[in-house]
N, C-alpha and C. Protein backbone atom coordinates (compact mmCIF):
# COMPACT_ATOMS: atom_id res chain seq x y z
N MET A 1 0.84 -1.18 0.00
CA MET A 1 0.00 0.00 0.00
C MET A 1 0.89 1.24 0.00
N GLY A 2 0.49 2.28 -0.72
CA GLY A 2 1.30 3.48 -0.86
C GLY A 2 1.20 4.41 0.33
N LEU A 3 2.07 5.39 0.31
CA LEU A 3 2.08 6.40 1.36
C LEU A 3 0.88 7.33 1.21
N THR A 4 0.36 7.79 2.33
CA THR A 4 -0.64 8.85 2.26
C THR A 4 0.11 10.15 2.05
N LYS A 5 -0.58 11.15 1.60
CA LYS A 5 0.08 12.44 1.33
C LYS A 5 0.79 12.98 2.57
N SER A 6 0.17 12.85 3.74
CA SER A 6 0.79 13.40 4.94
C SER A 6 2.05 12.66 5.34
N GLU A 7 2.19 11.39 4.95
CA GLU A 7 3.39 10.62 5.29
C GLU A 7 4.61 11.07 4.49
N LYS A 8 4.41 11.82 3.44
CA LYS A 8 5.51 12.33 2.63
C LYS A 8 6.22 13.50 3.30
N PHE A 9 5.60 14.05 4.34
CA PHE A 9 6.12 15.25 4.98
C PHE A 9 6.48 14.97 6.43
N THR A 10 7.29 15.85 7.00
CA THR A 10 7.72 15.67 8.38
C THR A 10 6.56 15.93 9.34
N ASP A 11 6.72 15.47 10.56
CA ASP A 11 5.71 15.74 11.59
C ASP A 11 5.53 17.25 11.77
N SER A 12 6.62 17.98 11.74
CA SER A 12 6.57 19.43 11.91
C SER A 12 5.80 20.08 10.77
N GLN A 13 6.04 19.64 9.55
CA GLN A 13 5.32 20.19 8.40
C GLN A 13 3.83 19.90 8.49
N ASN A 14 3.49 18.69 8.88
CA ASN A 14 2.08 18.32 9.03
C ASN A 14 1.42 19.11 10.15
N GLU A 15 2.14 19.31 11.25
CA GLU A 15 1.58 20.06 12.37
C GLU A 15 1.34 21.52 12.00
N LEU A 16 2.31 22.14 11.34
CA LEU A 16 2.15 23.53 10.90
C LEU A 16 0.98 23.67 9.92
N ALA A 17 0.84 22.71 9.01
CA ALA A 17 -0.25 22.76 8.05
C ALA A 17 -1.60 22.63 8.75
N ASN A 18 -1.67 21.77 9.76
CA ASN A 18 -2.91 21.60 10.52
C ASN A 18 -3.25 22.87 11.29
N ILE A 19 -2.25 23.49 11.89
CA ILE A 19 -2.46 24.75 12.60
C ILE A 19 -3.00 25.81 11.63
N ALA A 20 -2.36 25.91 10.48
CA ALA A 20 -2.78 26.90 9.48
C ALA A 20 -4.21 26.64 9.02
N LYS A 21 -4.55 25.37 8.86
CA LYS A 21 -5.90 25.01 8.43
C LYS A 21 -6.93 25.44 9.47
N VAL A 22 -6.67 25.16 10.73
CA VAL A 22 -7.61 25.51 11.79
C VAL A 22 -7.71 27.03 11.94
N LEU A 23 -6.58 27.72 11.86
CA LEU A 23 -6.59 29.18 12.00
C LEU A 23 -7.02 29.89 10.72
N GLY A 24 -7.21 29.13 9.66
CA GLY A 24 -7.53 29.70 8.35
C GLY A 24 -8.98 30.10 8.15
N HIS A 25 -9.79 30.05 9.18
CA HIS A 25 -11.19 30.46 9.05
C HIS A 25 -11.45 31.68 9.93
N PRO A 26 -12.02 32.75 9.37
CA PRO A 26 -12.21 33.97 10.15
C PRO A 26 -13.12 33.79 11.37
N ALA A 27 -14.06 32.86 11.31
CA ALA A 27 -14.93 32.62 12.48
C ALA A 27 -14.10 32.08 13.65
N ARG A 28 -13.13 31.24 13.36
CA ARG A 28 -12.29 30.69 14.43
C ARG A 28 -11.40 31.77 15.02
N ILE A 29 -10.92 32.67 14.19
CA ILE A 29 -10.13 33.80 14.69
C ILE A 29 -11.01 34.66 15.60
N ALA A 30 -12.24 34.91 15.17
CA ALA A 30 -13.17 35.71 15.98
C ALA A 30 -13.47 35.03 17.31
N ILE A 31 -13.63 33.72 17.29
CA ILE A 31 -13.88 32.97 18.53
C ILE A 31 -12.69 33.11 19.47
N LEU A 32 -11.48 32.93 18.95
CA LEU A 32 -10.28 33.05 19.78
C LEU A 32 -10.16 34.46 20.36
N GLN A 33 -10.41 35.46 19.54
CA GLN A 33 -10.33 36.84 20.03
C GLN A 33 -11.37 37.09 21.12
N HIS A 34 -12.57 36.55 20.93
CA HIS A 34 -13.62 36.72 21.93
C HIS A 34 -13.20 36.05 23.25
N LEU A 35 -12.62 34.86 23.16
CA LEU A 35 -12.18 34.16 24.36
C LEU A 35 -11.06 34.91 25.06
N PHE A 36 -10.13 35.48 24.30
CA PHE A 36 -9.06 36.28 24.92
C PHE A 36 -9.63 37.50 25.61
N ASN A 37 -10.59 38.14 24.99
CA ASN A 37 -11.17 39.36 25.56
C ASN A 37 -12.03 39.10 26.79
N SER A 38 -12.73 37.98 26.81
CA SER A 38 -13.65 37.72 27.91
C SER A 38 -13.09 36.76 28.94
N LYS A 39 -11.95 36.17 28.68
CA LYS A 39 -11.27 35.20 29.54
C LYS A 39 -11.98 33.84 29.56
N ASN A 40 -13.29 33.81 29.46
CA ASN A 40 -14.04 32.56 29.30
C ASN A 40 -15.45 32.92 28.86
N CYS A 41 -16.16 31.98 28.33
CA CYS A 41 -17.54 32.23 27.94
C CYS A 41 -18.23 30.90 27.67
N ILE A 42 -19.52 30.97 27.47
CA ILE A 42 -20.26 29.77 27.08
C ILE A 42 -20.62 29.90 25.61
N CYS A 43 -21.01 28.82 25.01
CA CYS A 43 -21.28 28.81 23.57
C CYS A 43 -22.36 29.82 23.19
N GLY A 44 -23.37 30.00 24.02
CA GLY A 44 -24.42 30.95 23.73
C GLY A 44 -23.89 32.37 23.58
N ASP A 45 -22.91 32.74 24.38
CA ASP A 45 -22.29 34.06 24.27
C ASP A 45 -21.64 34.22 22.89
N LEU A 46 -21.03 33.17 22.40
CA LEU A 46 -20.36 33.23 21.11
C LEU A 46 -21.37 33.41 19.99
N VAL A 47 -22.50 32.74 20.08
CA VAL A 47 -23.54 32.87 19.06
C VAL A 47 -23.99 34.32 18.97
N GLU A 48 -24.24 34.94 20.11
CA GLU A 48 -24.65 36.35 20.14
C GLU A 48 -23.55 37.27 19.62
N SER A 49 -22.35 37.06 20.11
CA SER A 49 -21.23 37.94 19.80
C SER A 49 -20.80 37.85 18.33
N ILE A 50 -20.72 36.64 17.81
CA ILE A 50 -20.18 36.44 16.46
C ILE A 50 -21.28 36.46 15.40
N GLY A 51 -22.48 36.09 15.80
CA GLY A 51 -23.61 36.17 14.88
C GLY A 51 -23.76 34.98 13.95
N LEU A 52 -23.20 33.86 14.33
CA LEU A 52 -23.38 32.64 13.55
C LEU A 52 -24.31 31.70 14.30
N ALA A 53 -24.88 30.73 13.61
CA ALA A 53 -25.79 29.78 14.22
C ALA A 53 -25.07 28.88 15.22
N GLN A 54 -25.81 28.42 16.20
CA GLN A 54 -25.27 27.54 17.24
C GLN A 54 -24.52 26.33 16.66
N PRO A 55 -25.08 25.58 15.69
CA PRO A 55 -24.34 24.43 15.15
C PRO A 55 -23.03 24.83 14.47
N THR A 56 -23.02 26.00 13.85
CA THR A 56 -21.79 26.48 13.18
C THR A 56 -20.73 26.81 14.22
N ILE A 57 -21.13 27.51 15.27
CA ILE A 57 -20.19 27.84 16.35
C ILE A 57 -19.66 26.55 16.97
N SER A 58 -20.54 25.60 17.21
CA SER A 58 -20.13 24.32 17.81
C SER A 58 -19.10 23.60 16.94
N GLN A 59 -19.28 23.63 15.64
CA GLN A 59 -18.33 22.98 14.73
C GLN A 59 -16.97 23.66 14.80
N HIS A 60 -16.96 24.99 14.84
CA HIS A 60 -15.69 25.72 14.93
C HIS A 60 -15.02 25.46 16.29
N LEU A 61 -15.80 25.41 17.35
CA LEU A 61 -15.25 25.10 18.67
C LEU A 61 -14.64 23.71 18.67
N LYS A 62 -15.28 22.78 18.00
CA LYS A 62 -14.77 21.40 17.92
C LYS A 62 -13.39 21.38 17.27
N GLU A 63 -13.21 22.13 16.19
CA GLU A 63 -11.92 22.17 15.49
C GLU A 63 -10.84 22.82 16.36
N LEU A 64 -11.20 23.90 17.04
CA LEU A 64 -10.24 24.57 17.92
C LEU A 64 -9.86 23.67 19.10
N LYS A 65 -10.83 22.94 19.60
CA LYS A 65 -10.57 22.04 20.73
C LYS A 65 -9.72 20.84 20.28
N LYS A 66 -10.00 20.34 19.08
CA LYS A 66 -9.22 19.22 18.55
C LYS A 66 -7.74 19.58 18.40
N LEU A 67 -7.47 20.82 18.00
CA LEU A 67 -6.09 21.31 17.90
C LEU A 67 -5.48 21.54 19.28
N GLY A 68 -6.34 21.72 20.28
CA GLY A 68 -5.86 21.93 21.64
C GLY A 68 -5.76 23.39 22.04
N LEU A 69 -6.21 24.28 21.17
CA LEU A 69 -6.12 25.71 21.46
C LEU A 69 -7.09 26.15 22.55
N ILE A 70 -8.21 25.46 22.65
CA ILE A 70 -9.18 25.80 23.68
C ILE A 70 -9.51 24.56 24.49
N LYS A 71 -10.03 24.79 25.67
CA LYS A 71 -10.53 23.69 26.49
C LYS A 71 -11.88 24.11 27.04
N GLY A 72 -12.69 23.15 27.34
CA GLY A 72 -14.03 23.44 27.82
C GLY A 72 -14.36 22.64 29.05
N GLU A 73 -15.07 23.28 29.97
CA GLU A 73 -15.52 22.62 31.19
C GLU A 73 -17.03 22.73 31.28
N ILE A 74 -17.66 21.64 31.66
CA ILE A 74 -19.11 21.64 31.80
C ILE A 74 -19.49 22.36 33.08
N GLU A 75 -20.38 23.33 32.95
CA GLU A 75 -20.90 24.08 34.09
C GLU A 75 -22.42 24.07 33.98
N GLY A 76 -23.04 23.16 34.71
CA GLY A 76 -24.49 23.00 34.61
C GLY A 76 -24.86 22.45 33.25
N THR A 77 -25.68 23.19 32.52
CA THR A 77 -26.09 22.75 31.19
C THR A 77 -25.26 23.40 30.09
N SER A 78 -24.25 24.16 30.45
CA SER A 78 -23.43 24.86 29.49
C SER A 78 -21.98 24.38 29.55
N ILE A 79 -21.24 24.71 28.53
CA ILE A 79 -19.81 24.45 28.52
C ILE A 79 -19.09 25.79 28.49
N CYS A 80 -18.19 25.97 29.43
CA CYS A 80 -17.41 27.19 29.53
C CYS A 80 -16.06 26.95 28.83
N TYR A 81 -15.79 27.71 27.79
CA TYR A 81 -14.56 27.56 27.02
C TYR A 81 -13.54 28.62 27.41
N CYS A 82 -12.26 28.24 27.31
CA CYS A 82 -11.19 29.20 27.52
C CYS A 82 -9.98 28.78 26.67
N ILE A 83 -9.06 29.70 26.50
CA ILE A 83 -7.83 29.45 25.77
C ILE A 83 -6.93 28.56 26.62
N ASP A 84 -6.34 27.54 26.01
CA ASP A 84 -5.33 26.74 26.70
C ASP A 84 -4.00 27.48 26.51
N GLN A 85 -3.60 28.21 27.53
CA GLN A 85 -2.42 29.09 27.44
C GLN A 85 -1.15 28.32 27.08
N LYS A 86 -0.98 27.14 27.62
CA LYS A 86 0.23 26.35 27.34
C LYS A 86 0.29 25.98 25.86
N LYS A 87 -0.81 25.51 25.31
CA LYS A 87 -0.85 25.13 23.89
C LYS A 87 -0.72 26.36 23.01
N TRP A 88 -1.34 27.48 23.43
CA TRP A 88 -1.24 28.72 22.66
C TRP A 88 0.22 29.14 22.51
N LYS A 89 0.99 29.08 23.60
CA LYS A 89 2.41 29.44 23.56
C LYS A 89 3.19 28.46 22.69
N GLU A 90 2.87 27.18 22.81
CA GLU A 90 3.55 26.15 22.01
C GLU A 90 3.33 26.40 20.52
N ILE A 91 2.09 26.66 20.14
CA ILE A 91 1.78 26.92 18.73
C ILE A 91 2.43 28.23 18.28
N GLY A 92 2.41 29.23 19.14
CA GLY A 92 3.06 30.50 18.83
C GLY A 92 4.54 30.31 18.54
N ASN A 93 5.20 29.50 19.36
CA ASN A 93 6.63 29.22 19.16
C ASN A 93 6.87 28.50 17.84
N LEU A 94 6.02 27.54 17.51
CA LEU A 94 6.16 26.82 16.23
C LEU A 94 6.02 27.79 15.05
N LEU A 95 5.02 28.67 15.13
CA LEU A 95 4.79 29.62 14.05
C LEU A 95 5.95 30.61 13.94
N ILE A 96 6.46 31.07 15.06
CA ILE A 96 7.60 31.99 15.04
C ILE A 96 8.81 31.32 14.42
N GLN A 97 9.09 30.08 14.82
CA GLN A 97 10.22 29.35 14.24
C GLN A 97 10.07 29.22 12.73
N PHE A 98 8.86 28.92 12.29
CA PHE A 98 8.60 28.76 10.86
C PHE A 98 8.77 30.09 10.12
N LEU A 99 8.19 31.14 10.67
CA LEU A 99 8.24 32.44 10.00
C LEU A 99 9.65 33.04 9.99
N GLU A 100 10.47 32.65 10.94
CA GLU A 100 11.84 33.15 11.00
C GLU A 100 12.83 32.21 10.32
N TYR A 101 12.33 31.11 9.77
CA TYR A 101 13.19 30.12 9.13
C TYR A 101 13.92 30.72 7.94
N GLN A 102 15.21 30.49 7.92
CA GLN A 102 16.02 30.90 6.78
C GLN A 102 17.01 29.81 6.47
N ASP A 103 17.08 29.46 5.25
CA ASP A 103 18.05 28.46 4.81
C ASP A 103 19.36 29.19 4.56
N SER A 104 20.38 28.84 5.31
CA SER A 104 21.66 29.54 5.22
C SER A 104 22.34 29.38 3.87
N THR A 105 21.89 28.40 3.07
CA THR A 105 22.53 28.20 1.78
C THR A 105 21.84 28.97 0.66
N SER A 106 20.66 29.52 0.94
CA SER A 106 19.95 30.22 -0.14
C SER A 106 20.23 31.72 -0.08
N GLU A 107 20.14 32.33 -1.23
CA GLU A 107 20.33 33.78 -1.31
C GLU A 107 18.97 34.45 -1.42
N ALA A 108 18.90 35.68 -0.98
CA ALA A 108 17.65 36.43 -1.06
C ALA A 108 17.33 36.71 -2.52
N CYS A 109 16.07 36.75 -2.83
CA CYS A 109 15.62 37.04 -4.21
C CYS A 109 15.69 38.52 -4.49
């Protein structure tokens, strides 16, 4: 059986691509910004604030949670979401390393 496309690339390349994919939707950026500004919130707050339907918000939260950027705790009948600060810093460091990457053998264009 042949390699899958992701097996052709390094773990780091696959991880960066996954991060970019998750951060590549403006609704997810808006959700993250809302969580940073409010420190925590429930899904209903996001629906009001961002103006998208509950199922749409839930799907975006699922993707952010799968990446590990957010975590959620059940509080009664609601889930309170917040930024996972440790993962946020880890992803930030990966992105900084990538954006500052320079191949010492290549010349500038």
